[in-house]
């Protein structure tokens, strides 16, 4: 890894992009050399540091990646991630991809870029969330053969501005449970006369309130007791610090697709 890791931030004017810029600026191992936004953005030409409240850092927000950074960190929108993934593949720049809500076609394009360059695609950059994923996997594996069965429900809370539901993280928790326990149905909320709950389903419940940065509860309901794995983000910085850790990990890797479990050594 270079002494100073040169970082480009895709989606630099967004809430998470601004925190990546700010926290990278105070990290002695990192330097932001490019800040990207979509063509037509009102933020183009503005200094990325001034936008995130740390003062002028001499990096203007641009729609095109001109320099060659050591790594790109993406917190943009699905179309923005798809676009930068193609650029990173062509120029063999490691990519930390944190954007969720991709269509199957967009996800296929993004994943394909990992054949040319190291890439992390994660539904959550939070270190605590990724540890929780391991705990959920362990719990599902341990409980799957109980004679009376287990009911699994996933509850997630996010801010009012989030555009996809359930969250990518909630869906990933569900994917982990399904792989271990074999549920075949996914229900998104419930209403009306639903009848007896089948154990072949997982229920997802998405709450959108205020400025909540993210909470997830994975509930394993048994007869006589309940096990819950809960994880809560207090500030957006939890995701930003995870993304920076992922960037530092990724620049030392060969081309391929990696996960936050790899970053954490899980």
Protein backbone atom coordinates (compact mmCIF):
# COMPACT_ATOMS: atom_id res chain seq x y z
CA UNK A 1 0.00 0.00 0.00
CA UNK A 2 1.34 3.50 -0.80
CA UNK A 3 2.39 5.68 2.14
CA UNK A 4 -0.55 7.97 1.35
CA UNK A 5 -3.57 6.35 -0.27
CA UNK A 6 -5.10 8.58 -2.95
CA UNK A 7 -8.88 8.32 -2.89
CA UNK A 8 -11.64 9.29 -5.31
CA UNK A 9 -15.18 9.63 -3.92
CA UNK A 10 -18.10 8.92 -6.25
CA UNK A 11 -21.25 10.62 -5.01
CA UNK A 12 -19.18 13.20 -3.15
CA UNK A 13 -22.04 15.66 -2.69
CA UNK A 14 -24.32 13.14 -1.00
CA UNK A 15 -24.65 12.71 2.75
CA UNK A 16 -22.28 9.73 2.86
CA UNK A 17 -19.95 11.10 0.21
CA UNK A 18 -19.44 14.25 2.25
CA UNK A 19 -18.51 12.21 5.32
CA UNK A 20 -16.05 10.13 3.28
CA UNK A 21 -14.39 13.33 2.08
CA UNK A 22 -14.26 14.81 5.58
CA UNK A 23 -12.94 11.71 7.34
CA UNK A 24 -10.43 10.94 4.60
CA UNK A 25 -9.06 14.45 4.93
CA UNK A 26 -8.20 13.98 8.61
CA UNK A 27 -6.80 10.45 8.15
CA UNK A 28 -3.00 10.67 7.84
CA UNK A 29 -2.98 7.64 5.55
CA UNK A 30 -5.48 9.06 3.05
CA UNK A 31 -5.76 11.93 0.59
CA UNK A 32 -8.84 12.81 -1.49
CA UNK A 33 -7.69 13.67 -5.01
CA UNK A 34 -11.02 13.44 -6.86
CA UNK A 35 -14.69 14.05 -6.01
CA UNK A 36 -17.32 12.95 -8.50
CA UNK A 37 -20.98 13.71 -9.10
CA UNK A 38 -23.43 13.03 -11.91
CA UNK A 39 -23.37 15.22 -15.02
CA UNK A 40 -25.73 18.12 -14.51
CA UNK A 41 -25.32 18.19 -10.74
CA UNK A 42 -25.57 21.67 -9.24
CA UNK A 43 -22.46 20.88 -7.19
CA UNK A 44 -20.09 20.53 -10.14
CA UNK A 45 -17.15 22.91 -9.85
CA UNK A 46 -17.60 23.45 -6.10
CA UNK A 47 -14.77 22.51 -3.76
CA UNK A 48 -15.53 19.15 -2.10
CA UNK A 49 -14.07 20.27 1.23
CA UNK A 50 -16.16 23.41 1.39
CA UNK A 51 -19.28 21.41 0.58
CA UNK A 52 -18.73 19.04 3.52
CA UNK A 53 -17.79 21.83 5.93
CA UNK A 54 -14.02 21.34 6.34
CA UNK A 55 -12.86 24.24 4.18
CA UNK A 56 -11.18 24.38 0.80
CA UNK A 57 -9.11 21.26 -0.01
CA UNK A 58 -8.38 22.13 -3.62
CA UNK A 59 -10.52 19.34 -5.09
CA UNK A 60 -13.35 20.51 -7.34
CA UNK A 61 -16.35 18.25 -7.83
CA UNK A 62 -16.30 16.85 -11.35
CA UNK A 63 -18.44 14.58 -13.53
CA UNK A 64 -15.40 12.74 -14.92
CA UNK A 65 -12.56 10.88 -13.23
CA UNK A 66 -9.44 12.52 -14.63
CA UNK A 67 -6.63 11.53 -12.19
CA UNK A 68 -5.73 7.91 -11.43
CA UNK A 69 -6.50 7.32 -7.72
CA UNK A 70 -5.38 4.28 -5.75
CA UNK A 71 -9.02 3.47 -4.94
CA UNK A 72 -12.55 4.71 -5.61
CA UNK A 73 -15.19 4.74 -2.86
CA UNK A 74 -18.75 4.84 -4.20
CA UNK A 75 -21.76 6.11 -2.26
CA UNK A 76 -23.85 7.30 -5.19
CA UNK A 77 -26.94 5.96 -6.97
CA UNK A 78 -27.30 2.71 -8.94
CA UNK A 79 -26.64 4.39 -12.30
CA UNK A 80 -23.63 6.17 -10.82
CA UNK A 81 -22.17 2.93 -9.48
CA UNK A 82 -22.73 1.17 -12.78
CA UNK A 83 -20.90 3.95 -14.60
CA UNK A 84 -17.91 4.15 -12.25
CA UNK A 85 -17.59 0.34 -12.18
CA UNK A 86 -16.98 0.39 -15.91
CA UNK A 87 -14.35 3.12 -15.51
CA UNK A 88 -12.61 1.24 -12.70
CA UNK A 89 -12.58 -1.98 -14.72
CA UNK A 90 -11.10 -0.26 -17.75
CA UNK A 91 -8.42 1.54 -15.71
CA UNK A 92 -7.95 -1.25 -13.14
CA UNK A 93 -8.73 0.95 -10.14
CA UNK A 94 -9.91 -0.84 -6.96
CA UNK A 95 -13.54 -0.04 -6.15
CA UNK A 96 -15.41 0.01 -2.83
CA UNK A 97 -19.08 -0.16 -3.87
CA UNK A 98 -21.53 0.83 -1.13
CA UNK A 99 -24.56 1.77 -3.25
CA UNK A 100 -27.68 -0.41 -2.84
CA UNK A 101 -30.90 -0.77 -4.80
CA UNK A 102 -29.31 -2.05 -8.02
CA UNK A 103 -31.39 -3.81 -10.64
CA UNK A 104 -30.24 -7.33 -11.59
CA UNK A 105 -28.76 -5.92 -14.80
CA UNK A 106 -26.87 -3.19 -12.95
CA UNK A 107 -25.57 -5.67 -10.40
CA UNK A 108 -24.35 -7.94 -13.18
CA UNK A 109 -22.44 -5.05 -14.76
CA UNK A 110 -20.88 -4.05 -11.45
CA UNK A 111 -19.87 -7.58 -10.48
CA UNK A 112 -18.33 -8.13 -13.93
CA UNK A 113 -15.86 -5.32 -13.23
CA UNK A 114 -14.30 -7.43 -10.46
CA UNK A 115 -12.74 -9.62 -13.14
CA UNK A 116 -10.45 -6.70 -13.97
CA UNK A 117 -9.88 -5.00 -10.62
CA UNK A 118 -10.29 -5.65 -6.87
CA UNK A 119 -13.80 -4.81 -5.69
CA UNK A 120 -15.90 -4.90 -2.55
CA UNK A 121 -19.67 -4.89 -3.04
CA UNK A 122 -21.44 -4.73 0.31
CA UNK A 123 -25.00 -3.89 1.36
CA UNK A 124 -23.53 -2.20 4.45
CA UNK A 125 -20.08 -0.82 5.17
CA UNK A 126 -20.73 -0.81 8.91
CA UNK A 127 -18.23 -2.97 10.76
CA UNK A 128 -20.82 -3.76 13.45
CA UNK A 129 -23.40 -4.81 10.84
CA UNK A 130 -20.93 -7.19 9.24
CA UNK A 131 -20.09 -8.77 12.59
CA UNK A 132 -23.86 -9.08 13.17
CA UNK A 133 -24.14 -10.95 9.87
CA UNK A 134 -21.78 -13.59 11.20
CA UNK A 135 -23.79 -13.85 14.42
CA UNK A 136 -27.01 -14.27 12.42
CA UNK A 137 -25.40 -17.00 10.33
CA UNK A 138 -24.25 -18.81 13.46
CA UNK A 139 -27.69 -18.50 15.08
CA UNK A 140 -29.52 -19.73 11.98
CA UNK A 141 -27.18 -22.69 11.68
CA UNK A 142 -27.63 -23.62 15.33
CA UNK A 143 -31.43 -23.27 15.40
CA UNK A 144 -32.46 -24.68 12.03
CA UNK A 145 -33.28 -28.21 13.23
CA UNK A 146 -35.37 -27.40 16.31
CA UNK A 147 -38.34 -29.81 16.40
CA UNK A 148 -40.93 -27.04 16.88
CA UNK A 149 -39.35 -24.78 14.28
CA UNK A 150 -38.23 -21.14 14.30
CA UNK A 151 -39.98 -18.03 12.96
CA UNK A 152 -37.64 -15.41 11.50
CA UNK A 153 -38.62 -11.74 11.12
CA UNK A 154 -36.39 -8.85 10.05
CA UNK A 155 -37.20 -5.29 11.11
CA UNK A 156 -35.27 -2.34 9.72
CA UNK A 157 -35.47 1.40 10.32
CA UNK A 158 -33.97 4.13 8.14
CA UNK A 159 -34.35 7.84 7.46
CA UNK A 160 -37.23 9.31 5.48
CA UNK A 161 -35.02 9.97 2.45
CA UNK A 162 -34.02 6.35 1.78
CA UNK A 163 -35.33 5.30 -1.62
CA UNK A 164 -35.29 1.49 -1.45
CA UNK A 165 -37.14 -0.85 0.91
CA UNK A 166 -36.39 -3.20 2.47
CA UNK A 167 -32.82 -2.04 2.84
CA UNK A 168 -30.08 -3.92 1.05
CA UNK A 169 -28.73 -4.85 4.46
CA UNK A 170 -32.07 -6.35 5.56
CA UNK A 171 -32.22 -8.39 2.37
CA UNK A 172 -28.67 -9.60 2.97
CA UNK A 173 -29.61 -10.72 6.49
CA UNK A 174 -32.52 -12.60 4.93
CA UNK A 175 -30.26 -14.19 2.34
CA UNK A 176 -27.96 -15.43 5.11
CA UNK A 177 -30.88 -16.96 7.02
CA UNK A 178 -32.36 -18.60 3.91
CA UNK A 179 -29.02 -20.17 3.02
CA UNK A 180 -28.84 -21.80 6.46
CA UNK A 181 -32.51 -22.55 7.17
CA UNK A 182 -34.07 -22.96 3.74
CA UNK A 183 -37.12 -20.66 3.85
CA UNK A 184 -38.88 -20.45 0.49
CA UNK A 185 -41.17 -17.43 0.94
CA UNK A 186 -40.49 -13.74 1.67
CA UNK A 187 -43.27 -11.51 2.98
CA UNK A 188 -43.02 -7.72 3.06
CA UNK A 189 -45.25 -6.51 5.87
CA UNK A 190 -48.60 -8.11 6.68
CA UNK A 191 -52.23 -7.00 6.63
CA UNK A 192 -55.68 -8.51 6.51
CA UNK A 193 -56.55 -12.09 7.41
CA UNK A 194 -53.18 -13.73 6.84
CA UNK A 195 -53.89 -17.04 8.54
CA UNK A 196 -51.38 -19.16 10.40
CA UNK A 197 -47.79 -18.12 9.90
CA UNK A 198 -45.81 -20.72 7.92
CA UNK A 199 -42.25 -21.35 9.04
CA UNK A 200 -41.23 -21.42 5.38
CA UNK A 201 -41.34 -17.62 5.24
CA UNK A 202 -39.27 -14.68 6.39
CA UNK A 203 -41.07 -11.44 7.17
CA UNK A 204 -39.52 -8.04 6.38
CA UNK A 205 -40.75 -4.81 7.94
CA UNK A 206 -39.35 -1.45 6.80
CA UNK A 207 -39.79 1.72 8.89
CA UNK A 208 -38.88 5.16 7.52
CA UNK A 209 -38.60 7.81 10.22
CA UNK A 210 -36.83 11.14 10.56
CA UNK A 211 -33.05 11.01 10.22
CA UNK A 212 -32.51 7.45 11.46
CA UNK A 213 -29.17 6.32 10.00
CA UNK A 214 -30.03 2.64 10.23
CA UNK A 215 -31.18 -0.10 12.61
CA UNK A 216 -31.72 -3.81 12.02
CA UNK A 217 -33.29 -6.47 14.22
CA UNK A 218 -33.23 -10.11 13.22
CA UNK A 219 -35.75 -11.99 15.38
CA UNK A 220 -35.63 -15.76 15.85
CA UNK A 221 -38.95 -16.70 17.49
CA UNK A 222 -39.26 -20.06 19.20
CA UNK A 223 -41.84 -21.55 21.54
CA UNK A 224 -41.09 -20.16 24.98
CA UNK A 225 -38.20 -17.84 24.03
CA UNK A 226 -36.87 -15.36 21.51
CA UNK A 227 -33.39 -14.58 20.26
CA UNK A 228 -32.71 -11.18 18.70
CA UNK A 229 -29.60 -9.90 16.97
CA UNK A 230 -29.77 -6.10 16.91
CA UNK A 231 -27.42 -3.54 15.42
CA UNK A 232 -27.85 0.23 15.39
CA UNK A 233 -25.94 3.01 13.69
CA UNK A 234 -25.65 6.17 15.76
CA UNK A 235 -24.11 8.33 13.03
CA UNK A 236 -23.28 7.97 9.35
CA UNK A 237 -19.63 7.88 10.32
CA UNK A 238 -20.02 4.19 11.20
CA UNK A 239 -20.51 3.46 7.50
CA UNK A 240 -17.78 5.88 6.45
CA UNK A 241 -15.17 4.35 8.75
CA UNK A 242 -16.05 0.90 7.41
CA UNK A 243 -15.64 2.11 3.83
CA UNK A 244 -12.23 3.61 4.62
CA UNK A 245 -11.13 0.33 6.23
CA UNK A 246 -12.36 -1.48 3.12
CA UNK A 247 -10.36 0.86 0.87
CA UNK A 248 -7.16 0.24 2.82
CA UNK A 249 -7.75 -3.51 2.58
CA UNK A 250 -8.66 -3.53 -1.09
CA UNK A 251 -5.59 -1.80 -2.51
CA UNK A 252 -3.45 -4.74 -1.34
CA UNK A 253 -5.57 -7.36 -3.14
CA UNK A 254 -5.54 -8.98 -6.56
CA UNK A 255 -8.49 -8.50 -8.95
CA UNK A 256 -11.60 -10.24 -7.68
CA UNK A 257 -14.75 -9.81 -5.61
CA UNK A 258 -14.30 -9.35 -1.86
CA UNK A 259 -16.64 -8.76 1.08
CA UNK A 260 -16.56 -6.91 4.37
CA UNK A 261 -16.06 -10.30 6.02
CA UNK A 262 -12.71 -10.40 4.22
CA UNK A 263 -11.88 -6.94 5.57
CA UNK A 264 -12.69 -8.07 9.12
CA UNK A 265 -11.04 -11.47 8.73
CA UNK A 266 -14.28 -13.29 9.59
